[in-house]
Amino acid sequence: VIAVGAIDDGDRLAGFSSRGSNLWLVAPGVRILSTYRGGGYQRLSGTSMAAPHVTATCALLLSREPTLSPAALREILAASAERLSGLSKEEQGFGLVRAERALSFLRR
């Protein structure tokens, strides 16, 4: 399990975001343009908008290195996250998910 919190476009923690010692990462989760039932698009907010950013980063990593274990994925995500100033460890975990940084760990 990777617990994901949500931040806004100013890197501030969303009021509805998860918090606490089990939080692993944060990702954009406020006013995210998404598909919407019935067709079309709508701007939505929630940790359900933030979690796909982390899932997509995991998918990118696995597309490059299919043998990565869940533990290795978590380690790369933690090591490549960007610490956000103004947020505590309980508000951001290891920081903001950064796909490009995570992919760079595979080139080492």
PDB file of N, CA and C in Angstrom:
ATOM      1  N   VAL A   1       0.849  -1.178   0.000  1.00  0.00           N
ATOM      2  CA  VAL A   1       0.000   0.000   0.000  1.00  0.00           C
ATOM      3  C   VAL A   1       0.891   1.236   0.000  1.00  0.00           C
ATOM      4  N   ILE A   2       0.523   2.183  -0.818  1.00  0.00           N
ATOM      5  CA  ILE A   2       1.195   3.483  -0.837  1.00  0.00           C
ATOM      6  C   ILE A   2       0.122   4.528  -0.576  1.00  0.00           C
ATOM      7  N   ALA A   3       0.156   5.147   0.586  1.00  0.00           N
ATOM      8  CA  ALA A   3      -0.820   6.175   0.944  1.00  0.00           C
ATOM      9  C   ALA A   3      -0.432   7.485   0.268  1.00  0.00           C
ATOM     10  N   VAL A   4      -1.408   8.103  -0.427  1.00  0.00           N
ATOM     11  CA  VAL A   4      -1.152   9.306  -1.214  1.00  0.00           C
ATOM     12  C   VAL A   4      -2.034  10.444  -0.731  1.00  0.00           C
ATOM     13  N   GLY A   5      -1.408  11.586  -0.477  1.00  0.00           N
ATOM     14  CA  GLY A   5      -2.131  12.796  -0.130  1.00  0.00           C
ATOM     15  C   GLY A   5      -2.236  13.702  -1.344  1.00  0.00           C
ATOM     16  N   ALA A   6      -3.000  14.777  -1.214  1.00  0.00           N
ATOM     17  CA  ALA A   6      -3.242  15.684  -2.336  1.00  0.00           C
ATOM     18  C   ALA A   6      -2.752  17.087  -2.022  1.00  0.00           C
ATOM     19  N   ILE A   7      -2.148  17.706  -3.051  1.00  0.00           N
ATOM     20  CA  ILE A   7      -1.749  19.102  -2.955  1.00  0.00           C
ATOM     21  C   ILE A   7      -2.439  19.884  -4.070  1.00  0.00           C
ATOM     22  N   ASP A   8      -2.454  21.212  -3.905  1.00  0.00           N
ATOM     23  CA  ASP A   8      -3.021  22.068  -4.949  1.00  0.00           C
ATOM     24  C   ASP A   8      -1.909  22.578  -5.858  1.00  0.00           C
ATOM     25  N   ASP A   9      -2.242  23.459  -6.786  1.00  0.00           N
ATOM     26  CA  ASP A   9      -1.241  23.934  -7.737  1.00  0.00           C
ATOM     27  C   ASP A   9      -0.230  24.902  -7.128  1.00  0.00           C
ATOM     28  N   GLY A  10      -0.415  25.255  -5.867  1.00  0.00           N
ATOM     29  CA  GLY A  10       0.553  26.071  -5.136  1.00  0.00           C
ATOM     30  C   GLY A  10       1.384  25.247  -4.170  1.00  0.00           C
ATOM     31  N   ASP A  11       1.354  23.936  -4.328  1.00  0.00           N
ATOM     32  CA  ASP A  11       2.069  22.992  -3.458  1.00  0.00           C
ATOM     33  C   ASP A  11       1.625  23.081  -2.000  1.00  0.00           C
ATOM     34  N   ARG A  12       0.360  23.473  -1.794  1.00  0.00           N
ATOM     35  CA  ARG A  12      -0.220  23.491  -0.456  1.00  0.00           C
ATOM     36  C   ARG A  12      -1.062  22.232  -0.269  1.00  0.00           C
ATOM     37  N   LEU A  13      -1.073  21.717   0.932  1.00  0.00           N
ATOM     38  CA  LEU A  13      -1.855  20.531   1.232  1.00  0.00           C
ATOM     39  C   LEU A  13      -3.343  20.846   1.095  1.00  0.00           C
ATOM     40  N   ALA A  14      -4.056  20.001   0.376  1.00  0.00           N
ATOM     41  CA  ALA A  14      -5.498  20.169   0.236  1.00  0.00           C
ATOM     42  C   ALA A  14      -6.173  19.895   1.576  1.00  0.00           C
ATOM     43  N   GLY A  15      -7.217  20.635   1.875  1.00  0.00           N
ATOM     44  CA  GLY A  15      -7.913  20.476   3.146  1.00  0.00           C
ATOM     45  C   GLY A  15      -8.461  19.079   3.369  1.00  0.00           C
ATOM     46  N   PHE A  16      -8.791  18.370   2.302  1.00  0.00           N
ATOM     47  CA  PHE A  16      -9.370  17.028   2.399  1.00  0.00           C
ATOM     48  C   PHE A  16      -8.295  15.933   2.392  1.00  0.00           C
ATOM     49  N   SER A  17      -7.045  16.305   2.269  1.00  0.00           N
ATOM     50  CA  SER A  17      -5.969  15.326   2.076  1.00  0.00           C
ATOM     51  C   SER A  17      -5.745  14.423   3.278  1.00  0.00           C
ATOM     52  N   SER A  18      -5.272  13.248   2.972  1.00  0.00           N
ATOM     53  CA  SER A  18      -4.797  12.338   4.014  1.00  0.00           C
ATOM     54  C   SER A  18      -3.575  12.959   4.677  1.00  0.00           C
ATOM     55  N   ARG A  19      -3.369  12.611   5.939  1.00  0.00           N
ATOM     56  CA  ARG A  19      -2.219  13.079   6.716  1.00  0.00           C
ATOM     57  C   ARG A  19      -1.804  11.956   7.649  1.00  0.00           C
ATOM     58  N   GLY A  20      -0.608  12.061   8.199  1.00  0.00           N
ATOM     59  CA  GLY A  20      -0.198  11.139   9.240  1.00  0.00           C
ATOM     60  C   GLY A  20       1.095  10.409   8.932  1.00  0.00           C
ATOM     61  N   SER A  21       1.505   9.606   9.878  1.00  0.00           N
ATOM     62  CA  SER A  21       2.798   8.922   9.788  1.00  0.00           C
ATOM     63  C   SER A  21       2.831   7.860   8.695  1.00  0.00           C
ATOM     64  N   ASN A  22       1.683   7.402   8.213  1.00  0.00           N
ATOM     65  CA  ASN A  22       1.664   6.390   7.150  1.00  0.00           C
ATOM     66  C   ASN A  22       1.603   6.986   5.749  1.00  0.00           C
ATOM     67  N   LEU A  23       1.490   8.308   5.649  1.00  0.00           N
ATOM     68  CA  LEU A  23       1.449   8.953   4.336  1.00  0.00           C
ATOM     69  C   LEU A  23       2.790   8.751   3.639  1.00  0.00           C
ATOM     70  N   TRP A  24       2.758   8.331   2.386  1.00  0.00           N
ATOM     71  CA  TRP A  24       3.986   8.011   1.657  1.00  0.00           C
ATOM     72  C   TRP A  24       4.396   9.148   0.716  1.00  0.00           C
ATOM     73  N   LEU A  25       3.433   9.690  -0.052  1.00  0.00           N
ATOM     74  CA  LEU A  25       3.709  10.721  -1.049  1.00  0.00           C
ATOM     75  C   LEU A  25       2.517  11.651  -1.188  1.00  0.00           C
ATOM     76  N   VAL A  26       2.752  12.781  -1.847  1.00  0.00           N
ATOM     77  CA  VAL A  26       1.659  13.649  -2.274  1.00  0.00           C
ATOM     78  C   VAL A  26       1.747  13.833  -3.786  1.00  0.00           C
ATOM     79  N   ALA A  27       0.629  14.210  -4.376  1.00  0.00           N
ATOM     80  CA  ALA A  27       0.552  14.452  -5.814  1.00  0.00           C
ATOM     81  C   ALA A  27      -0.565  15.466  -6.052  1.00  0.00           C
ATOM     82  N   PRO A  28      -0.584  16.088  -7.233  1.00  0.00           N
ATOM     83  CA  PRO A  28      -1.666  17.031  -7.526  1.00  0.00           C
ATOM     84  C   PRO A  28      -3.041  16.366  -7.391  1.00  0.00           C
ATOM     85  N   GLY A  29      -3.945  17.054  -6.690  1.00  0.00           N
ATOM     86  CA  GLY A  29      -5.264  16.474  -6.472  1.00  0.00           C
ATOM     87  C   GLY A  29      -6.390  17.488  -6.405  1.00  0.00           C
ATOM     88  N   VAL A  30      -6.117  18.728  -6.791  1.00  0.00           N
ATOM     89  CA  VAL A  30      -7.131  19.779  -6.733  1.00  0.00           C
ATOM     90  C   VAL A  30      -7.387  20.310  -8.144  1.00  0.00           C
ATOM     91  N   ARG A  31      -8.659  20.278  -8.546  1.00  0.00           N
ATOM     92  CA  ARG A  31      -9.093  20.774  -9.858  1.00  0.00           C
ATOM     93  C   ARG A  31      -8.334  20.109 -11.004  1.00  0.00           C
ATOM     94  N   ILE A  32      -8.264  18.788 -10.970  1.00  0.00           N
ATOM     95  CA  ILE A  32      -7.593  18.002 -11.993  1.00  0.00           C
ATOM     96  C   ILE A  32      -8.583  17.711 -13.114  1.00  0.00           C
ATOM     97  N   LEU A  33      -8.213  18.023 -14.349  1.00  0.00           N
ATOM     98  CA  LEU A  33      -9.068  17.730 -15.477  1.00  0.00           C
ATOM     99  C   LEU A  33      -9.119  16.225 -15.685  1.00  0.00           C
ATOM    100  N   SER A  34     -10.318  15.677 -15.659  1.00  0.00           N
ATOM    101  CA  SER A  34     -10.497  14.228 -15.729  1.00  0.00           C
ATOM    102  C   SER A  34     -11.710  13.886 -16.595  1.00  0.00           C
ATOM    103  N   THR A  35     -11.731  12.665 -17.067  1.00  0.00           N
ATOM    104  CA  THR A  35     -12.933  12.200 -17.751  1.00  0.00           C
ATOM    105  C   THR A  35     -14.071  12.156 -16.740  1.00  0.00           C
ATOM    106  N   TYR A  36     -15.289  12.245 -17.258  1.00  0.00           N
ATOM    107  CA  TYR A  36     -16.446  12.275 -16.365  1.00  0.00           C
ATOM    108  C   TYR A  36     -17.524  11.353 -16.902  1.00  0.00           C
ATOM    109  N   ARG A  37     -18.270  10.755 -15.986  1.00  0.00           N
ATOM    110  CA  ARG A  37     -19.316   9.812 -16.410  1.00  0.00           C
ATOM    111  C   ARG A  37     -20.285  10.492 -17.359  1.00  0.00           C
ATOM    112  N   GLY A  38     -20.720   9.734 -18.334  1.00  0.00           N
ATOM    113  CA  GLY A  38     -21.614  10.276 -19.339  1.00  0.00           C
ATOM    114  C   GLY A  38     -20.882  10.933 -20.499  1.00  0.00           C
ATOM    115  N   GLY A  39     -19.563  10.969 -20.411  1.00  0.00           N
ATOM    116  CA  GLY A  39     -18.765  11.580 -21.476  1.00  0.00           C
ATOM    117  C   GLY A  39     -18.270  12.956 -21.098  1.00  0.00           C
ATOM    118  N   GLY A  40     -17.276  13.373 -21.771  1.00  0.00           N
ATOM    119  CA  GLY A  40     -16.728  14.698 -21.532  1.00  0.00           C
ATOM    120  C   GLY A  40     -15.711  14.721 -20.408  1.00  0.00           C
ATOM    121  N   TYR A  41     -15.417  15.944 -19.959  1.00  0.00           N
ATOM    122  CA  TYR A  41     -14.393  16.165 -18.950  1.00  0.00           C
ATOM    123  C   TYR A  41     -14.922  17.108 -17.891  1.00  0.00           C
ATOM    124  N   GLN A  42     -14.324  16.999 -16.720  1.00  0.00           N
ATOM    125  CA  GLN A  42     -14.685  17.887 -15.618  1.00  0.00           C
ATOM    126  C   GLN A  42     -13.474  18.025 -14.715  1.00  0.00           C
ATOM    127  N   ARG A  43     -13.364  19.158 -14.041  1.00  0.00           N
ATOM    128  CA  ARG A  43     -12.292  19.340 -13.056  1.00  0.00           C
ATOM    129  C   ARG A  43     -12.781  18.754 -11.734  1.00  0.00           C
ATOM    130  N   LEU A  44     -11.988  17.826 -11.201  1.00  0.00           N
ATOM    131  CA  LEU A  44     -12.347  17.129  -9.969  1.00  0.00           C
ATOM    132  C   LEU A  44     -11.225  17.268  -8.946  1.00  0.00           C
ATOM    133  N   SER A  45     -11.576  17.125  -7.688  1.00  0.00           N
ATOM    134  CA  SER A  45     -10.597  17.199  -6.608  1.00  0.00           C
ATOM    135  C   SER A  45     -10.750  15.997  -5.693  1.00  0.00           C
ATOM    136  N   GLY A  46      -9.639  15.559  -5.142  1.00  0.00           N
ATOM    137  CA  GLY A  46      -9.653  14.467  -4.179  1.00  0.00           C
ATOM    138  C   GLY A  46      -8.360  13.675  -4.228  1.00  0.00           C
ATOM    139  N   THR A  47      -8.175  12.873  -3.213  1.00  0.00           N
ATOM    140  CA  THR A  47      -7.001  11.998  -3.252  1.00  0.00           C
ATOM    141  C   THR A  47      -7.161  10.972  -4.368  1.00  0.00           C
ATOM    142  N   SER A  48      -8.396  10.766  -4.822  1.00  0.00           N
ATOM    143  CA  SER A  48      -8.621   9.874  -5.965  1.00  0.00           C
ATOM    144  C   SER A  48      -8.125  10.500  -7.262  1.00  0.00           C
ATOM    145  N   MET A  49      -7.835  11.776  -7.257  1.00  0.00           N
ATOM    146  CA  MET A  49      -7.204  12.439  -8.403  1.00  0.00           C
ATOM    147  C   MET A  49      -5.681  12.420  -8.238  1.00  0.00           C
ATOM    148  N   ALA A  50      -5.196  12.354  -7.007  1.00  0.00           N
ATOM    149  CA  ALA A  50      -3.758  12.341  -6.736  1.00  0.00           C
ATOM    150  C   ALA A  50      -3.155  10.944  -6.928  1.00  0.00           C
ATOM    151  N   ALA A  51      -3.857   9.934  -6.485  1.00  0.00           N
ATOM    152  CA  ALA A  51      -3.320   8.568  -6.546  1.00  0.00           C
ATOM    153  C   ALA A  51      -2.927   8.119  -7.954  1.00  0.00           C
ATOM    154  N   PRO A  52      -3.668   8.485  -9.007  1.00  0.00           N
ATOM    155  CA  PRO A  52      -3.255   8.060 -10.347  1.00  0.00           C
ATOM    156  C   PRO A  52      -1.883   8.586 -10.777  1.00  0.00           C
ATOM    157  N   HIS A  53      -1.449   9.719 -10.232  1.00  0.00           N
ATOM    158  CA  HIS A  53      -0.110  10.225 -10.544  1.00  0.00           C
ATOM    159  C   HIS A  53       0.951   9.236 -10.049  1.00  0.00           C
ATOM    160  N   VAL A  54       0.735   8.692  -8.867  1.00  0.00           N
ATOM    161  CA  VAL A  54       1.676   7.721  -8.304  1.00  0.00           C
ATOM    162  C   VAL A  54       1.577   6.393  -9.057  1.00  0.00           C
ATOM    163  N   THR A  55       0.358   5.973  -9.363  1.00  0.00           N
ATOM    164  CA  THR A  55       0.153   4.733 -10.112  1.00  0.00           C
ATOM    165  C   THR A  55       0.824   4.815 -11.480  1.00  0.00           C
ATOM    166  N   ALA A  56       0.674   5.940 -12.153  1.00  0.00           N
ATOM    167  CA  ALA A  56       1.298   6.113 -13.468  1.00  0.00           C
ATOM    168  C   ALA A  56       2.816   6.082 -13.376  1.00  0.00           C
ATOM    169  N   THR A  57       3.370   6.665 -12.324  1.00  0.00           N
ATOM    170  CA  THR A  57       4.823   6.625 -12.145  1.00  0.00           C
ATOM    171  C   THR A  57       5.286   5.188 -11.938  1.00  0.00           C
ATOM    172  N   CYS A  58       4.543   4.418 -11.161  1.00  0.00           N
ATOM    173  CA  CYS A  58       4.870   2.993 -10.988  1.00  0.00           C
ATOM    174  C   CYS A  58       4.793   2.252 -12.322  1.00  0.00           C
ATOM    175  N   ALA A  59       3.775   2.558 -13.113  1.00  0.00           N
ATOM    176  CA  ALA A  59       3.625   1.904 -14.413  1.00  0.00           C
ATOM    177  C   ALA A  59       4.786   2.251 -15.339  1.00  0.00           C
ATOM    178  N   LEU A  60       5.221   3.506 -15.325  1.00  0.00           N
ATOM    179  CA  LEU A  60       6.382   3.893 -16.132  1.00  0.00           C
ATOM    180  C   LEU A  60       7.630   3.128 -15.705  1.00  0.00           C
ATOM    181  N   LEU A  61       7.844   3.050 -14.405  1.00  0.00           N
ATOM    182  CA  LEU A  61       9.013   2.322 -13.896  1.00  0.00           C
ATOM    183  C   LEU A  61       8.964   0.858 -14.317  1.00  0.00           C
ATOM    184  N   LEU A  62       7.794   0.252 -14.181  1.00  0.00           N
ATOM    185  CA  LEU A  62       7.658  -1.167 -14.535  1.00  0.00           C
ATOM    186  C   LEU A  62       7.750  -1.392 -16.043  1.00  0.00           C
ATOM    187  N   SER A  63       7.380  -0.389 -16.828  1.00  0.00           N
ATOM    188  CA  SER A  63       7.513  -0.543 -18.283  1.00  0.00           C
ATOM    189  C   SER A  63       8.981  -0.576 -18.698  1.00  0.00           C
ATOM    190  N   ARG A  64       9.820   0.076 -17.917  1.00  0.00           N
ATOM    191  CA  ARG A  64      11.260   0.080 -18.188  1.00  0.00           C
ATOM    192  C   ARG A  64      11.973  -1.092 -17.531  1.00  0.00           C
ATOM    193  N   GLU A  65      11.474  -1.488 -16.360  1.00  0.00           N
ATOM    194  CA  GLU A  65      12.121  -2.563 -15.593  1.00  0.00           C
ATOM    195  C   GLU A  65      11.044  -3.452 -14.978  1.00  0.00           C
ATOM    196  N   PRO A  66      10.506  -4.403 -15.773  1.00  0.00           N
ATOM    197  CA  PRO A  66       9.369  -5.217 -15.337  1.00  0.00           C
ATOM    198  C   PRO A  66       9.633  -6.088 -14.111  1.00  0.00           C
ATOM    199  N   THR A  67      10.870  -6.304 -13.762  1.00  0.00           N
ATOM    200  CA  THR A  67      11.182  -7.186 -12.634  1.00  0.00           C
ATOM    201  C   THR A  67      11.271  -6.446 -11.297  1.00  0.00           C
ATOM    202  N   LEU A  68      10.999  -5.145 -11.285  1.00  0.00           N
ATOM    203  CA  LEU A  68      11.050  -4.397 -10.022  1.00  0.00           C
ATOM    204  C   LEU A  68      10.047  -4.975  -9.027  1.00  0.00           C
ATOM    205  N   SER A  69      10.500  -5.170  -7.818  1.00  0.00           N
ATOM    206  CA  SER A  69       9.609  -5.660  -6.761  1.00  0.00           C
ATOM    207  C   SER A  69       8.808  -4.490  -6.191  1.00  0.00           C
ATOM    208  N   PRO A  70       7.715  -4.786  -5.495  1.00  0.00           N
ATOM    209  CA  PRO A  70       6.979  -3.705  -4.821  1.00  0.00           C
ATOM    210  C   PRO A  70       7.878  -2.910  -3.875  1.00  0.00           C
ATOM    211  N   ALA A  71       8.766  -3.575  -3.169  1.00  0.00           N
ATOM    212  CA  ALA A  71       9.676  -2.876  -2.254  1.00  0.00           C
ATOM    213  C   ALA A  71      10.606  -1.944  -3.024  1.00  0.00           C
ATOM    214  N   ALA A  72      11.098  -2.395  -4.173  1.00  0.00           N
ATOM    215  CA  ALA A  72      11.980  -1.550  -4.982  1.00  0.00           C
ATOM    216  C   ALA A  72      11.222  -0.337  -5.520  1.00  0.00           C
ATOM    217  N   LEU A  73       9.979  -0.530  -5.927  1.00  0.00           N
ATOM    218  CA  LEU A  73       9.164   0.596  -6.396  1.00  0.00           C
ATOM    219  C   LEU A  73       8.995   1.630  -5.285  1.00  0.00           C
ATOM    220  N   ARG A  74       8.667   1.169  -4.100  1.00  0.00           N
ATOM    221  CA  ARG A  74       8.488   2.091  -2.969  1.00  0.00           C
ATOM    222  C   ARG A  74       9.780   2.840  -2.658  1.00  0.00           C
ATOM    223  N   GLU A  75      10.900   2.129  -2.724  1.00  0.00           N
ATOM    224  CA  GLU A  75      12.199   2.743  -2.450  1.00  0.00           C
ATOM    225  C   GLU A  75      12.516   3.833  -3.478  1.00  0.00           C
ATOM    226  N   ILE A  76      12.278   3.551  -4.740  1.00  0.00           N
ATOM    227  CA  ILE A  76      12.528   4.540  -5.797  1.00  0.00           C
ATOM    228  C   ILE A  76      11.600   5.743  -5.635  1.00  0.00           C
ATOM    229  N   LEU A  77      10.331   5.494  -5.371  1.00  0.00           N
ATOM    230  CA  LEU A  77       9.384   6.596  -5.184  1.00  0.00           C
ATOM    231  C   LEU A  77       9.816   7.494  -4.025  1.00  0.00           C
ATOM    232  N   ALA A  78      10.235   6.891  -2.928  1.00  0.00           N
ATOM    233  CA  ALA A  78      10.658   7.665  -1.759  1.00  0.00           C
ATOM    234  C   ALA A  78      11.917   8.469  -2.058  1.00  0.00           C
ATOM    235  N   ALA A  79      12.885   7.833  -2.689  1.00  0.00           N
ATOM    236  CA  ALA A  79      14.168   8.488  -2.954  1.00  0.00           C
ATOM    237  C   ALA A  79      14.060   9.597  -3.995  1.00  0.00           C
ATOM    238  N   SER A  80      13.109   9.485  -4.902  1.00  0.00           N
ATOM    239  CA  SER A  80      12.992  10.458  -5.988  1.00  0.00           C
ATOM    240  C   SER A  80      11.974  11.559  -5.712  1.00  0.00           C
ATOM    241  N   ALA A  81      11.251  11.470  -4.613  1.00  0.00           N
ATOM    242  CA  ALA A  81      10.233  12.474  -4.292  1.00  0.00           C
ATOM    243  C   ALA A  81      10.879  13.821  -3.989  1.00  0.00           C
ATOM    244  N   GLU A  82      10.150  14.876  -4.278  1.00  0.00           N
ATOM    245  CA  GLU A  82      10.615  16.237  -4.005  1.00  0.00           C
ATOM    246  C   GLU A  82      10.024  16.726  -2.687  1.00  0.00           C
ATOM    247  N   ARG A  83      10.898  17.017  -1.729  1.00  0.00           N
ATOM    248  CA  ARG A  83      10.430  17.571  -0.449  1.00  0.00           C
ATOM    249  C   ARG A  83       9.873  18.965  -0.693  1.00  0.00           C
ATOM    250  N   LEU A  84       8.690  19.215  -0.176  1.00  0.00           N
ATOM    251  CA  LEU A  84       8.050  20.514  -0.335  1.00  0.00           C
ATOM    252  C   LEU A  84       8.230  21.337   0.933  1.00  0.00           C
ATOM    253  N   SER A  85       8.775  22.532   0.783  1.00  0.00           N
ATOM    254  CA  SER A  85       8.941  23.395   1.950  1.00  0.00           C
ATOM    255  C   SER A  85       7.564  23.822   2.438  1.00  0.00           C
ATOM    256  N   GLY A  86       7.438  23.975   3.713  1.00  0.00           N
ATOM    257  CA  GLY A  86       6.164  24.404   4.275  1.00  0.00           C
ATOM    258  C   GLY A  86       5.229  23.273   4.644  1.00  0.00           C
ATOM    259  N   LEU A  87       5.583  22.041   4.290  1.00  0.00           N
ATOM    260  CA  LEU A  87       4.764  20.884   4.673  1.00  0.00           C
ATOM    261  C   LEU A  87       5.591  19.959   5.551  1.00  0.00           C
ATOM    262  N   SER A  88       4.964  19.468   6.600  1.00  0.00           N
ATOM    263  CA  SER A  88       5.646  18.547   7.502  1.00  0.00           C
ATOM    264  C   SER A  88       5.685  17.142   6.908  1.00  0.00           C
ATOM    265  N   LYS A  89       6.455  16.268   7.531  1.00  0.00           N
ATOM    266  CA  LYS A  89       6.527  14.861   7.115  1.00  0.00           C
ATOM    267  C   LYS A  89       5.130  14.235   7.157  1.00  0.00           C
ATOM    268  N   GLU A  90       4.310  14.567   8.149  1.00  0.00           N
ATOM    269  CA  GLU A  90       2.963  14.015   8.273  1.00  0.00           C
ATOM    270  C   GLU A  90       2.026  14.547   7.207  1.00  0.00           C
ATOM    271  N   GLU A  91       2.379  15.673   6.577  1.00  0.00           N
ATOM    272  CA  GLU A  91       1.545  16.261   5.537  1.00  0.00           C
ATOM    273  C   GLU A  91       1.977  15.849   4.123  1.00  0.00           C
ATOM    274  N   GLN A  92       3.230  15.371   3.969  1.00  0.00           N
ATOM    275  CA  GLN A  92       3.701  15.045   2.628  1.00  0.00           C
ATOM    276  C   GLN A  92       4.438  13.723   2.515  1.00  0.00           C
ATOM    277  N   GLY A  93       4.644  13.023   3.603  1.00  0.00           N
ATOM    278  CA  GLY A  93       5.417  11.786   3.531  1.00  0.00           C
ATOM    279  C   GLY A  93       6.815  12.091   3.024  1.00  0.00           C
ATOM    280  N   PHE A  94       7.251  11.392   1.982  1.00  0.00           N
ATOM    281  CA  PHE A  94       8.576  11.638   1.409  1.00  0.00           C
ATOM    282  C   PHE A  94       8.570  12.844   0.469  1.00  0.00           C
ATOM    283  N   GLY A  95       7.391  13.321   0.080  1.00  0.00           N
ATOM    284  CA  GLY A  95       7.303  14.493  -0.767  1.00  0.00           C
ATOM    285  C   GLY A  95       6.423  14.275  -1.988  1.00  0.00           C
ATOM    286  N   LEU A  96       6.610  15.156  -2.957  1.00  0.00           N
ATOM    287  CA  LEU A  96       5.838  15.157  -4.199  1.00  0.00           C
ATOM    288  C   LEU A  96       6.381  14.109  -5.161  1.00  0.00           C
ATOM    289  N   VAL A  97       5.513  13.266  -5.677  1.00  0.00           N
ATOM    290  CA  VAL A  97       5.938  12.258  -6.651  1.00  0.00           C
ATOM    291  C   VAL A  97       6.527  12.972  -7.872  1.00  0.00           C
ATOM    292  N   ARG A  98       7.661  12.481  -8.358  1.00  0.00           N
ATOM    293  CA  ARG A  98       8.339  13.074  -9.518  1.00  0.00           C
ATOM    294  C   ARG A  98       8.741  11.960 -10.471  1.00  0.00           C
ATOM    295  N   ALA A  99       7.946  11.751 -11.504  1.00  0.00           N
ATOM    296  CA  ALA A  99       8.165  10.647 -12.443  1.00  0.00           C
ATOM    297  C   ALA A  99       9.528  10.728 -13.110  1.00  0.00           C
ATOM    298  N   GLU A 100       9.929  11.921 -13.544  1.00  0.00           N
ATOM    299  CA  GLU A 100      11.200  12.030 -14.253  1.00  0.00           C
ATOM    300  C   GLU A 100      12.378  11.680 -13.345  1.00  0.00           C
ATOM    301  N   ARG A 101      12.301  12.053 -12.084  1.00  0.00           N
ATOM    302  CA  ARG A 101      13.357  11.682 -11.133  1.00  0.00           C
ATOM    303  C   ARG A 101      13.348  10.175 -10.890  1.00  0.00           C
ATOM    304  N   ALA A 102      12.150   9.619 -10.746  1.00  0.00           N
ATOM    305  CA  ALA A 102      12.040   8.178 -10.491  1.00  0.00           C
ATOM    306  C   ALA A 102      12.658   7.396 -11.646  1.00  0.00           C
ATOM    307  N   LEU A 103      12.372   7.793 -12.876  1.00  0.00           N
ATOM    308  CA  LEU A 103      12.932   7.102 -14.042  1.00  0.00           C
ATOM    309  C   LEU A 103      14.452   7.212 -14.076  1.00  0.00           C
ATOM    310  N   SER A 104      14.983   8.318 -13.585  1.00  0.00           N
ATOM    311  CA  SER A 104      16.441   8.486 -13.594  1.00  0.00           C
ATOM    312  C   SER A 104      17.136   7.470 -12.680  1.00  0.00           C
ATOM    313  N   PHE A 105      16.429   6.951 -11.697  1.00  0.00           N
ATOM    314  CA  PHE A 105      17.016   5.943 -10.807  1.00  0.00           C
ATOM    315  C   PHE A 105      17.278   4.630 -11.538  1.00  0.00           C
ATOM    316  N   LEU A 106      16.592   4.395 -12.627  1.00  0.00           N
ATOM    317  CA  LEU A 106      16.802   3.169 -13.406  1.00  0.00           C
ATOM    318  C   LEU A 106      18.028   3.263 -14.288  1.00  0.00           C
ATOM    319  N   ARG A 107      18.521   4.451 -14.530  1.00  0.00           N
ATOM    320  CA  ARG A 107      19.683   4.658 -15.398  1.00  0.00           C
ATOM    321  C   ARG A 107      20.984   4.591 -14.626  1.00  0.00           C
ATOM    322  N   ARG A 108      20.932   4.452 -13.324  1.00  0.00           N
ATOM    323  CA  ARG A 108      22.142   4.474 -12.498  1.00  0.00           C
ATOM    324  C   ARG A 108      22.866   3.175 -12.560  1.00  0.00           C
TER     325      ARG A 108
END
